[in-house]
């Protein structure tokens, strides 16, 4: 297995193609891989049943395409109505959170356990009124106050989620990684729906409520935002890009970097801060538990001995071709 820093180096310079509305998947795959590799506990099980395929994706030369991956074709064929005439070159823009839920149910990653419960105390008994699945991203919403602010943070959104309508909502465990969706659609007093463009800051850690045993009491577990995806444009259209957190790095003499900004058909670009347009349109956040976080420092990409060694290790994991009669 290639070393973790080698996988990050390769991922930081990976180019993904977008032949047909694949930006939702490209941004999601990059974010998941980057977040799990940014833990000090990373193992092959973090990439679940597709570890080998994702390693092959990293090994690809120049520009990789998700539609070449069998697991991705399977998801797109079986997502919703089964389509035996699936054309990987003709994919419509999809909802990123729904894609995550569908993909994770197949991936079976041990890094994510997104189960939650909504509890209420009645007659001195704690009742469970609602639950979330292990692999569906948690949906955080703005309340009326936060929706009017120019900027907020995820801790405030977690608090709204935790305490609403007299009930208490919390995670059932604190996994290494979390995937969170932010719903930017808000309704005013006239029942008019509009999009909230409050900027969500990502520099400080956020506090995630986790239930303590079978009570209503929650402990606050600290997580850092390790990847962000933002959607510009209308539903089932527009464009989705991701930002991946780095350790503060000096790319060139006067070019510091703290994030990688992704774009289809291009290698990620090292930048110091997430652009404001992305903060106003961010919809998916990938979190890593603070005590497990391991930031990687950006390095320019060169074809070195280490890269060749990683290629040989990946190739050694592949099954031998079947003998032809």
Protein backbone atom coordinates (compact mmCIF):
# COMPACT_ATOMS: atom_id res chain seq x y z
CA UNK A 1 0.00 0.00 0.00
CA UNK A 2 1.42 3.44 -0.91
CA UNK A 3 2.25 5.74 1.98
CA UNK A 4 -0.44 8.22 3.03
CA UNK A 5 1.64 11.27 2.07
CA UNK A 6 2.16 9.80 -1.40
CA UNK A 7 -1.59 9.40 -1.87
CA UNK A 8 -2.16 13.00 -0.78
CA UNK A 9 0.54 14.23 -3.13
CA UNK A 10 -1.07 12.40 -6.01
CA UNK A 11 -4.57 13.57 -5.09
CA UNK A 12 -3.41 17.20 -4.79
CA UNK A 13 -2.40 17.10 -8.46
CA UNK A 14 -5.16 14.88 -9.83
CA UNK A 15 -7.13 16.12 -12.85
CA UNK A 16 -10.69 14.84 -13.28
CA UNK A 17 -12.51 15.11 -16.59
CA UNK A 18 -16.11 16.26 -16.93
CA UNK A 19 -17.47 14.94 -20.24
CA UNK A 20 -21.11 15.36 -19.17
CA UNK A 21 -22.30 17.09 -15.96
CA UNK A 22 -19.97 15.13 -13.68
CA UNK A 23 -18.97 18.08 -11.48
CA UNK A 24 -21.22 16.91 -8.62
CA UNK A 25 -19.43 13.55 -8.53
CA UNK A 26 -15.94 14.93 -9.13
CA UNK A 27 -16.22 17.36 -6.22
CA UNK A 28 -17.70 14.68 -3.95
CA UNK A 29 -15.09 12.03 -4.70
CA UNK A 30 -12.20 14.46 -4.23
CA UNK A 31 -13.67 15.71 -0.94
CA UNK A 32 -14.23 12.23 0.48
CA UNK A 33 -10.77 10.99 -0.47
CA UNK A 34 -9.07 14.14 0.82
CA UNK A 35 -10.94 14.16 4.14
CA UNK A 36 -10.27 10.52 4.96
CA UNK A 37 -6.60 10.86 4.01
CA UNK A 38 -6.38 13.86 6.37
CA UNK A 39 -6.78 11.63 9.43
CA UNK A 40 -3.97 10.04 11.41
CA UNK A 41 -5.99 6.81 11.53
CA UNK A 42 -6.41 6.27 7.78
CA UNK A 43 -6.68 2.63 6.70
CA UNK A 44 -7.85 0.89 3.55
CA UNK A 45 -11.26 0.39 5.18
CA UNK A 46 -11.83 4.16 5.05
CA UNK A 47 -12.28 3.69 1.27
CA UNK A 48 -14.39 0.63 1.87
CA UNK A 49 -15.28 -1.74 -0.90
CA UNK A 50 -13.77 0.53 -3.56
CA UNK A 51 -10.29 1.03 -2.12
CA UNK A 52 -8.61 -0.70 -5.06
CA UNK A 53 -10.64 1.23 -7.63
CA UNK A 54 -9.90 4.58 -5.95
CA UNK A 55 -6.20 3.76 -5.90
CA UNK A 56 -6.39 3.04 -9.62
CA UNK A 57 -8.10 6.41 -10.09
CA UNK A 58 -5.14 8.09 -8.37
CA UNK A 59 -2.72 6.13 -10.50
CA UNK A 60 -4.32 7.33 -13.75
CA UNK A 61 -2.14 9.33 -16.08
CA UNK A 62 -2.84 12.98 -16.94
CA UNK A 63 -6.64 13.16 -16.72
CA UNK A 64 -8.92 10.59 -15.03
CA UNK A 65 -12.64 10.08 -15.69
CA UNK A 66 -15.12 8.67 -13.20
CA UNK A 67 -17.24 7.16 -15.95
CA UNK A 68 -14.36 4.74 -16.60
CA UNK A 69 -14.87 3.30 -13.10
CA UNK A 70 -17.18 0.28 -12.84
CA UNK A 71 -18.51 1.33 -9.40
CA UNK A 72 -19.57 4.73 -10.73
CA UNK A 73 -21.32 3.20 -13.73
CA UNK A 74 -23.17 0.87 -11.34
CA UNK A 75 -24.40 3.81 -9.25
CA UNK A 76 -25.59 5.77 -12.26
CA UNK A 77 -27.37 2.74 -13.76
CA UNK A 78 -29.17 1.84 -10.54
CA UNK A 79 -29.82 5.28 -9.08
CA UNK A 80 -33.56 5.77 -9.09
CA UNK A 81 -35.10 3.87 -11.99
CA UNK A 82 -32.88 1.19 -13.43
CA UNK A 83 -31.68 2.23 -16.87
CA UNK A 84 -30.29 -0.61 -19.00
CA UNK A 85 -29.45 1.93 -21.74
CA UNK A 86 -27.27 4.02 -19.43
CA UNK A 87 -24.94 6.29 -21.40
CA UNK A 88 -21.99 7.50 -19.27
CA UNK A 89 -21.51 10.33 -21.73
CA UNK A 90 -25.00 11.72 -21.13
CA UNK A 91 -25.48 12.38 -17.39
CA UNK A 92 -27.68 15.11 -15.98
CA UNK A 93 -26.57 17.28 -13.04
CA UNK A 94 -27.47 15.50 -9.78
CA UNK A 95 -27.92 16.44 -6.13
CA UNK A 96 -24.58 15.97 -4.35
CA UNK A 97 -26.10 14.93 -1.00
CA UNK A 98 -28.25 12.29 -2.64
CA UNK A 99 -25.21 11.02 -4.51
CA UNK A 100 -23.28 10.77 -1.23
CA UNK A 101 -26.04 8.72 0.41
CA UNK A 102 -26.26 6.36 -2.56
CA UNK A 103 -22.50 6.01 -2.93
CA UNK A 104 -21.81 5.53 0.79
CA UNK A 105 -24.40 2.76 1.06
CA UNK A 106 -22.26 0.83 -1.44
CA UNK A 107 -18.85 2.08 -0.28
CA UNK A 108 -19.32 0.97 3.37
CA UNK A 109 -16.53 3.25 4.61
CA UNK A 110 -15.55 2.79 8.26
CA UNK A 111 -14.64 6.49 8.52
CA UNK A 112 -18.27 7.65 8.42
CA UNK A 113 -21.08 6.90 10.83
CA UNK A 114 -23.61 9.72 10.41
CA UNK A 115 -26.41 8.25 12.54
CA UNK A 116 -28.38 10.68 14.67
CA UNK A 117 -31.48 10.67 16.83
CA UNK A 118 -34.16 13.20 17.76
CA UNK A 119 -35.23 12.68 21.37
CA UNK A 120 -37.93 13.98 23.66
CA UNK A 121 -38.43 13.48 27.38
CA UNK A 122 -42.00 12.57 28.27
CA UNK A 123 -43.23 11.26 31.64
CA UNK A 124 -39.60 11.02 32.76
CA UNK A 125 -38.87 8.71 29.84
CA UNK A 126 -36.62 9.51 26.87
CA UNK A 127 -38.38 8.73 23.59
CA UNK A 128 -36.73 8.53 20.16
CA UNK A 129 -38.90 10.39 17.66
CA UNK A 130 -36.71 10.28 14.55
CA UNK A 131 -33.42 8.80 13.36
CA UNK A 132 -30.90 9.28 10.58
CA UNK A 133 -29.17 6.59 8.55
CA UNK A 134 -25.50 5.72 8.83
CA UNK A 135 -24.54 7.13 5.44
CA UNK A 136 -26.97 9.99 4.65
CA UNK A 137 -25.45 13.47 5.13
CA UNK A 138 -26.94 15.47 7.97
CA UNK A 139 -28.98 18.46 6.76
CA UNK A 140 -28.36 21.69 8.67
CA UNK A 141 -30.74 24.63 8.23
CA UNK A 142 -30.66 28.36 8.88
CA UNK A 143 -33.13 29.77 11.36
CA UNK A 144 -34.70 33.21 10.81
CA UNK A 145 -31.90 35.00 12.69
CA UNK A 146 -28.93 33.30 11.03
CA UNK A 147 -30.47 33.69 7.57
CA UNK A 148 -30.21 37.47 7.93
CA UNK A 149 -26.55 37.52 8.96
CA UNK A 150 -23.76 38.25 6.46
CA UNK A 151 -21.62 35.48 7.98
CA UNK A 152 -22.02 32.60 10.43
CA UNK A 153 -20.23 29.40 11.37
CA UNK A 154 -21.14 25.74 11.47
CA UNK A 155 -21.33 25.67 15.27
CA UNK A 156 -24.32 28.03 15.07
CA UNK A 157 -26.00 25.80 12.48
CA UNK A 158 -25.31 22.71 14.61
CA UNK A 159 -26.96 24.47 17.55
CA UNK A 160 -30.11 25.14 15.52
CA UNK A 161 -30.16 21.46 14.54
CA UNK A 162 -29.55 20.35 18.13
CA UNK A 163 -32.36 22.28 19.82
CA UNK A 164 -35.55 22.90 17.85
CA UNK A 165 -39.27 22.53 18.61
CA UNK A 166 -38.61 21.52 22.21
CA UNK A 167 -36.74 18.40 21.16
CA UNK A 168 -33.07 17.48 21.29
CA UNK A 169 -31.17 16.17 18.26
CA UNK A 170 -27.67 14.74 18.39
CA UNK A 171 -25.22 12.30 16.89
CA UNK A 172 -25.15 8.82 18.38
CA UNK A 173 -21.35 8.59 18.04
CA UNK A 174 -18.38 10.75 17.04
CA UNK A 175 -16.85 9.13 13.92
CA UNK A 176 -13.52 10.18 12.39
CA UNK A 177 -15.29 11.94 9.51
CA UNK A 178 -18.68 13.55 8.91
CA UNK A 179 -20.49 14.77 5.80
CA UNK A 180 -22.92 17.65 6.27
CA UNK A 181 -25.37 19.30 3.87
CA UNK A 182 -26.46 22.92 4.41
CA UNK A 183 -29.93 23.79 3.11
CA UNK A 184 -29.78 27.34 1.78
CA UNK A 185 -33.48 27.52 0.85
CA UNK A 186 -35.39 29.66 3.35
CA UNK A 187 -39.03 30.68 3.57
CA UNK A 188 -40.15 34.13 4.67
CA UNK A 189 -43.38 35.17 6.40
CA UNK A 190 -45.17 35.28 3.05
CA UNK A 191 -44.19 31.68 2.27
CA UNK A 192 -41.80 32.90 -0.40
CA UNK A 193 -38.73 30.68 -0.86
CA UNK A 194 -35.38 32.32 -1.49
CA UNK A 195 -31.72 31.36 -1.31
CA UNK A 196 -29.69 32.37 1.73
CA UNK A 197 -26.22 33.65 0.80
CA UNK A 198 -24.87 33.95 4.34
CA UNK A 199 -21.15 33.18 4.20
CA UNK A 200 -20.16 30.16 6.29
CA UNK A 201 -16.69 30.53 7.74
CA UNK A 202 -14.47 27.45 7.76
CA UNK A 203 -11.35 28.59 9.62
CA UNK A 204 -12.38 27.75 13.18
CA UNK A 205 -13.39 24.30 14.43
CA UNK A 206 -17.07 23.57 14.94
CA UNK A 207 -18.74 21.84 17.87
CA UNK A 208 -20.90 18.83 17.04
CA UNK A 209 -23.49 17.63 19.62
CA UNK A 210 -23.16 13.93 20.47
CA UNK A 211 -25.56 12.23 22.86
CA UNK A 212 -24.18 10.98 26.14
CA UNK A 213 -25.65 7.51 26.67
CA UNK A 214 -29.46 7.31 26.55
CA UNK A 215 -30.15 10.74 27.97
CA UNK A 216 -30.95 14.15 26.49
CA UNK A 217 -27.51 15.39 27.50
CA UNK A 218 -25.00 16.08 24.71
CA UNK A 219 -21.26 16.52 24.73
CA UNK A 220 -19.73 18.86 22.16
CA UNK A 221 -17.09 17.18 20.00
CA UNK A 222 -14.72 19.36 18.01
CA UNK A 223 -14.41 18.90 14.24
CA UNK A 224 -12.55 20.83 11.54
CA UNK A 225 -13.81 21.53 8.03
CA UNK A 226 -11.44 19.68 5.73
CA UNK A 227 -13.32 20.03 2.44
CA UNK A 228 -16.14 22.21 1.10
CA UNK A 229 -18.24 21.96 -2.05
CA UNK A 230 -20.23 24.86 -3.47
CA UNK A 231 -23.03 24.90 -6.03
CA UNK A 232 -23.39 27.88 -8.35
CA UNK A 233 -26.54 28.09 -10.45
CA UNK A 234 -30.00 26.55 -10.54
CA UNK A 235 -31.08 23.12 -9.30
CA UNK A 236 -30.20 20.29 -11.73
CA UNK A 237 -27.93 22.77 -13.51
CA UNK A 238 -25.07 25.09 -12.63
CA UNK A 239 -21.62 23.99 -11.54
CA UNK A 240 -20.10 22.41 -8.40
CA UNK A 241 -16.52 22.86 -7.21
CA UNK A 242 -14.61 21.81 -4.10
CA UNK A 243 -12.00 23.31 -1.79
CA UNK A 244 -9.59 21.06 0.12
CA UNK A 245 -7.78 22.25 3.26
CA UNK A 246 -3.99 22.22 3.46
CA UNK A 247 -1.51 22.90 6.20
CA UNK A 248 -0.31 26.50 5.64
CA UNK A 249 2.26 26.16 2.87
CA UNK A 250 4.50 28.31 0.69
CA UNK A 251 3.93 27.26 -2.91
CA UNK A 252 6.34 29.83 -4.31
CA UNK A 253 8.39 32.60 -2.74
CA UNK A 254 5.40 34.95 -2.35
CA UNK A 255 2.50 32.53 -2.76
CA UNK A 256 1.18 31.10 0.52
CA UNK A 257 -1.54 28.45 0.38
CA UNK A 258 -4.06 27.07 2.84
CA UNK A 259 -6.57 25.48 0.41
CA UNK A 260 -6.70 23.68 -2.90
CA UNK A 261 -9.47 24.90 -5.22
CA UNK A 262 -10.64 22.23 -7.66
CA UNK A 263 -11.98 22.58 -11.18
CA UNK A 264 -12.88 20.00 -13.82
CA UNK A 265 -10.24 19.40 -16.49
CA UNK A 266 -7.60 21.15 -14.34
CA UNK A 267 -5.24 20.28 -11.54
CA UNK A 268 -6.29 21.81 -8.18
CA UNK A 269 -5.05 25.37 -7.63
CA UNK A 270 -3.33 26.33 -4.37
CA UNK A 271 -4.93 29.43 -2.78
CA UNK A 272 -4.71 31.09 0.62
CA UNK A 273 -8.43 31.47 1.34
CA UNK A 274 -11.72 30.12 0.02
CA UNK A 275 -13.24 32.68 -2.40
CA UNK A 276 -16.26 34.63 -1.13
CA UNK A 277 -18.47 33.23 -3.89
CA UNK A 278 -17.77 29.74 -2.55
CA UNK A 279 -18.50 30.75 1.06
CA UNK A 280 -21.86 32.20 -0.05
CA UNK A 281 -22.78 29.10 -2.03
CA UNK A 282 -21.24 26.28 0.03
CA UNK A 283 -23.66 23.39 0.44
CA UNK A 284 -21.57 20.38 1.51
CA UNK A 285 -19.00 20.25 4.31
CA UNK A 286 -16.62 17.38 5.05
CA UNK A 287 -15.47 17.34 8.67
CA UNK A 288 -12.60 15.56 10.44
CA UNK A 289 -12.52 15.10 14.21
CA UNK A 290 -9.93 17.49 15.63
CA UNK A 291 -7.99 14.90 17.63
CA UNK A 292 -7.52 12.83 14.47
CA UNK A 293 -6.73 15.67 12.06
CA UNK A 294 -3.47 15.49 10.11
CA UNK A 295 -2.90 18.39 7.71
CA UNK A 296 -0.74 17.91 4.65
CA UNK A 297 1.65 20.57 3.36
CA UNK A 298 1.45 21.32 -0.36
CA UNK A 299 4.39 20.38 -2.57
CA UNK A 300 4.79 21.02 -6.31
CA UNK A 301 4.32 17.91 -8.37
CA UNK A 302 7.33 16.20 -9.88
CA UNK A 303 7.77 12.73 -11.27
CA UNK A 304 10.12 11.31 -8.66
CA UNK A 305 11.27 7.92 -7.51
CA UNK A 306 8.57 7.96 -4.86
CA UNK A 307 5.88 8.36 -7.52
CA UNK A 308 7.25 5.42 -9.46
CA UNK A 309 7.38 3.34 -6.29
CA UNK A 310 3.75 4.19 -5.55
CA UNK A 311 2.77 3.16 -9.09
CA UNK A 312 4.49 -0.18 -8.66
CA UNK A 313 2.73 -0.76 -5.32
CA UNK A 314 -0.68 -0.02 -6.84
CA UNK A 315 -0.03 -2.27 -9.80
CA UNK A 316 1.03 -5.07 -7.43
CA UNK A 317 -2.41 -4.95 -5.80
CA UNK A 318 -4.27 -5.58 -9.05
CA UNK A 319 -5.40 -9.10 -9.98
CA UNK A 320 -3.43 -10.90 -12.64
CA UNK A 321 -5.14 -11.00 -16.05
CA UNK A 322 -6.96 -14.22 -16.83
CA UNK A 323 -5.15 -16.57 -19.14
CA UNK A 324 -6.63 -16.82 -22.59
CA UNK A 325 -7.28 -20.35 -23.87
